[in-house]
Amino acid sequence: MGEIAAKLADRIFLTDEESYNEDPEQIRAQIFEGIEKGKGQVRTTEVADRREAIKKAIEVAKKGDTILVTGMGHEVYRIVNGERLPWNDEQVVRELLES
């Protein structure tokens, strides 16, 4: 995933989605390896908090830019440390755009 993003994106915000019972730092590190392989590390900002990462992407976007939020799609919850947490990317984006 990281290598593909590095090849196709002008800017990458690497963040968490669902870690289930895995270490989210380790997941991000594995994705970052792909980003490095695709030579995208200088265009990458790592922000563990998903809401904050989406907020930062919105803040740096300019007129005509497209922001692609990937990973969660239609999901309405995230599983983090075995706990099911309410989550909706679309709702988060709408809230951030309205604030």
C-alpha atoms as a PDB file:
ATOM      1  CA  MET A   1       0.000   0.000   0.000  1.00  0.00           C
ATOM      2  CA  GLY A   2       2.748   2.414   0.909  1.00  0.00           C
ATOM      3  CA  GLU A   3       4.651   1.878  -2.312  1.00  0.00           C
ATOM      4  CA  ILE A   4       1.546   2.475  -4.419  1.00  0.00           C
ATOM      5  CA  ALA A   5       0.735   5.659  -2.488  1.00  0.00           C
ATOM      6  CA  ALA A   6       4.314   6.856  -2.939  1.00  0.00           C
ATOM      7  CA  LYS A   7       4.095   6.360  -6.685  1.00  0.00           C
ATOM      8  CA  LEU A   8       0.693   8.005  -7.149  1.00  0.00           C
ATOM      9  CA  ALA A   9       0.216  10.644  -4.441  1.00  0.00           C
ATOM     10  CA  ASP A  10       1.656  14.138  -4.238  1.00  0.00           C
ATOM     11  CA  ARG A  11       1.398  13.998  -0.449  1.00  0.00           C
ATOM     12  CA  ILE A  12       0.801  11.162   2.022  1.00  0.00           C
ATOM     13  CA  PHE A  13      -0.583  11.297   5.540  1.00  0.00           C
ATOM     14  CA  LEU A  14       0.204   7.933   7.115  1.00  0.00           C
ATOM     15  CA  THR A  15      -2.209   7.126   9.921  1.00  0.00           C
ATOM     16  CA  ASP A  16      -3.984   4.345  11.780  1.00  0.00           C
ATOM     17  CA  GLU A  17      -7.165   2.619  10.758  1.00  0.00           C
ATOM     18  CA  GLU A  18      -7.901  -0.695  12.470  1.00  0.00           C
ATOM     19  CA  SER A  19      -5.156  -2.377  14.420  1.00  0.00           C
ATOM     20  CA  TYR A  20      -7.310  -5.108  15.948  1.00  0.00           C
ATOM     21  CA  ASN A  21      -4.816  -6.555  18.463  1.00  0.00           C
ATOM     22  CA  GLU A  22      -1.660  -5.594  16.572  1.00  0.00           C
ATOM     23  CA  ASP A  23       0.714  -2.737  17.390  1.00  0.00           C
ATOM     24  CA  PRO A  24      -0.393   0.270  15.285  1.00  0.00           C
ATOM     25  CA  GLU A  25       3.173   1.653  15.265  1.00  0.00           C
ATOM     26  CA  GLN A  26       4.393  -1.565  13.710  1.00  0.00           C
ATOM     27  CA  ILE A  27       1.647  -1.455  11.068  1.00  0.00           C
ATOM     28  CA  ARG A  28       2.587   2.133  10.162  1.00  0.00           C
ATOM     29  CA  ALA A  29       6.277   1.146  10.049  1.00  0.00           C
ATOM     30  CA  GLN A  30       5.534  -1.645   7.584  1.00  0.00           C
ATOM     31  CA  ILE A  31       3.540   0.713   5.368  1.00  0.00           C
ATOM     32  CA  PHE A  32       6.344   3.278   5.619  1.00  0.00           C
ATOM     33  CA  GLU A  33       8.792   0.675   4.288  1.00  0.00           C
ATOM     34  CA  GLY A  34       6.703   0.585   1.115  1.00  0.00           C
ATOM     35  CA  ILE A  35       6.634   4.377   1.002  1.00  0.00           C
ATOM     36  CA  GLU A  36      10.443   4.388   1.187  1.00  0.00           C
ATOM     37  CA  LYS A  37      10.627   1.763  -1.541  1.00  0.00           C
ATOM     38  CA  GLY A  38       8.476   4.030  -3.709  1.00  0.00           C
ATOM     39  CA  LYS A  39      10.696   7.012  -2.805  1.00  0.00           C
ATOM     40  CA  GLY A  40       7.868   8.915  -1.119  1.00  0.00           C
ATOM     41  CA  GLN A  41       9.262   9.476   2.359  1.00  0.00           C
ATOM     42  CA  VAL A  42       9.882  13.224   1.860  1.00  0.00           C
ATOM     43  CA  ARG A  43       6.212  13.671   0.917  1.00  0.00           C
ATOM     44  CA  THR A  44       4.949  11.712   3.925  1.00  0.00           C
ATOM     45  CA  THR A  45       3.665  12.963   7.261  1.00  0.00           C
ATOM     46  CA  GLU A  46       2.934  10.360   9.915  1.00  0.00           C
ATOM     47  CA  VAL A  47       0.042  11.179  12.246  1.00  0.00           C
ATOM     48  CA  ALA A  48      -1.176   8.285  14.383  1.00  0.00           C
ATOM     49  CA  ASP A  49      -4.523   9.884  15.255  1.00  0.00           C
ATOM     50  CA  ARG A  50      -6.755   9.288  12.216  1.00  0.00           C
ATOM     51  CA  ARG A  51      -9.002  12.317  12.797  1.00  0.00           C
ATOM     52  CA  GLU A  52      -5.963  14.574  13.179  1.00  0.00           C
ATOM     53  CA  ALA A  53      -4.403  13.153   9.988  1.00  0.00           C
ATOM     54  CA  ILE A  54      -7.570  13.865   8.008  1.00  0.00           C
ATOM     55  CA  LYS A  55      -7.695  17.364   9.517  1.00  0.00           C
ATOM     56  CA  LYS A  56      -4.093  18.054   8.474  1.00  0.00           C
ATOM     57  CA  ALA A  57      -4.767  16.827   4.931  1.00  0.00           C
ATOM     58  CA  ILE A  58      -7.728  19.193   4.679  1.00  0.00           C
ATOM     59  CA  GLU A  59      -5.690  22.087   6.076  1.00  0.00           C
ATOM     60  CA  VAL A  60      -2.889  21.758   3.520  1.00  0.00           C
ATOM     61  CA  ALA A  61      -5.130  21.086   0.522  1.00  0.00           C
ATOM     62  CA  LYS A  62      -5.392  23.852  -2.039  1.00  0.00           C
ATOM     63  CA  LYS A  63      -8.153  24.665  -4.492  1.00  0.00           C
ATOM     64  CA  GLY A  64      -8.208  21.929  -7.139  1.00  0.00           C
ATOM     65  CA  ASP A  65      -6.596  19.294  -4.908  1.00  0.00           C
ATOM     66  CA  THR A  66      -8.224  15.945  -4.272  1.00  0.00           C
ATOM     67  CA  ILE A  67      -8.010  14.279  -0.872  1.00  0.00           C
ATOM     68  CA  LEU A  68      -8.384  10.513  -0.906  1.00  0.00           C
ATOM     69  CA  VAL A  69      -9.170   9.000   2.494  1.00  0.00           C
ATOM     70  CA  THR A  70      -8.499   5.284   2.224  1.00  0.00           C
ATOM     71  CA  GLY A  71      -8.742   2.252   4.426  1.00  0.00           C
ATOM     72  CA  MET A  72     -12.052   2.454   6.238  1.00  0.00           C
ATOM     73  CA  GLY A  73     -14.531   2.929   3.387  1.00  0.00           C
ATOM     74  CA  HIS A  74     -18.076   2.199   4.499  1.00  0.00           C
ATOM     75  CA  GLU A  75     -17.061   1.053   7.990  1.00  0.00           C
ATOM     76  CA  VAL A  76     -18.953   2.581  10.918  1.00  0.00           C
ATOM     77  CA  TYR A  77     -16.575   1.380  13.603  1.00  0.00           C
ATOM     78  CA  ARG A  78     -12.874   0.643  14.127  1.00  0.00           C
ATOM     79  CA  ILE A  79     -11.391  -2.211  16.100  1.00  0.00           C
ATOM     80  CA  VAL A  80      -8.479  -0.953  18.186  1.00  0.00           C
ATOM     81  CA  ASN A  81      -6.883  -3.076  20.908  1.00  0.00           C
ATOM     82  CA  GLY A  82      -9.766  -5.512  20.564  1.00  0.00           C
ATOM     83  CA  GLU A  83     -12.296  -2.764  21.282  1.00  0.00           C
ATOM     84  CA  ARG A  84     -14.995  -1.800  18.775  1.00  0.00           C
ATOM     85  CA  LEU A  85     -15.094   2.018  18.521  1.00  0.00           C
ATOM     86  CA  PRO A  86     -17.645   4.091  16.566  1.00  0.00           C
ATOM     87  CA  TRP A  87     -16.046   5.607  13.449  1.00  0.00           C
ATOM     88  CA  ASN A  88     -17.132   6.933  10.072  1.00  0.00           C
ATOM     89  CA  ASP A  89     -14.617   8.588   7.709  1.00  0.00           C
ATOM     90  CA  GLU A  90     -17.343  10.392   5.773  1.00  0.00           C
ATOM     91  CA  GLN A  91     -18.825  11.868   8.930  1.00  0.00           C
ATOM     92  CA  VAL A  92     -15.388  12.945  10.183  1.00  0.00           C
ATOM     93  CA  VAL A  93     -14.602  14.687   6.883  1.00  0.00           C
ATOM     94  CA  ARG A  94     -17.968  16.478   6.904  1.00  0.00           C
ATOM     95  CA  GLU A  95     -17.470  17.630  10.524  1.00  0.00           C
ATOM     96  CA  LEU A  96     -13.996  18.921   9.772  1.00  0.00           C
ATOM     97  CA  LEU A  97     -15.133  20.768   6.647  1.00  0.00           C
ATOM     98  CA  GLU A  98     -17.988  22.407   8.556  1.00  0.00           C
ATOM     99  CA  SER A  99     -15.808  23.577  11.446  1.00  0.00           C
END
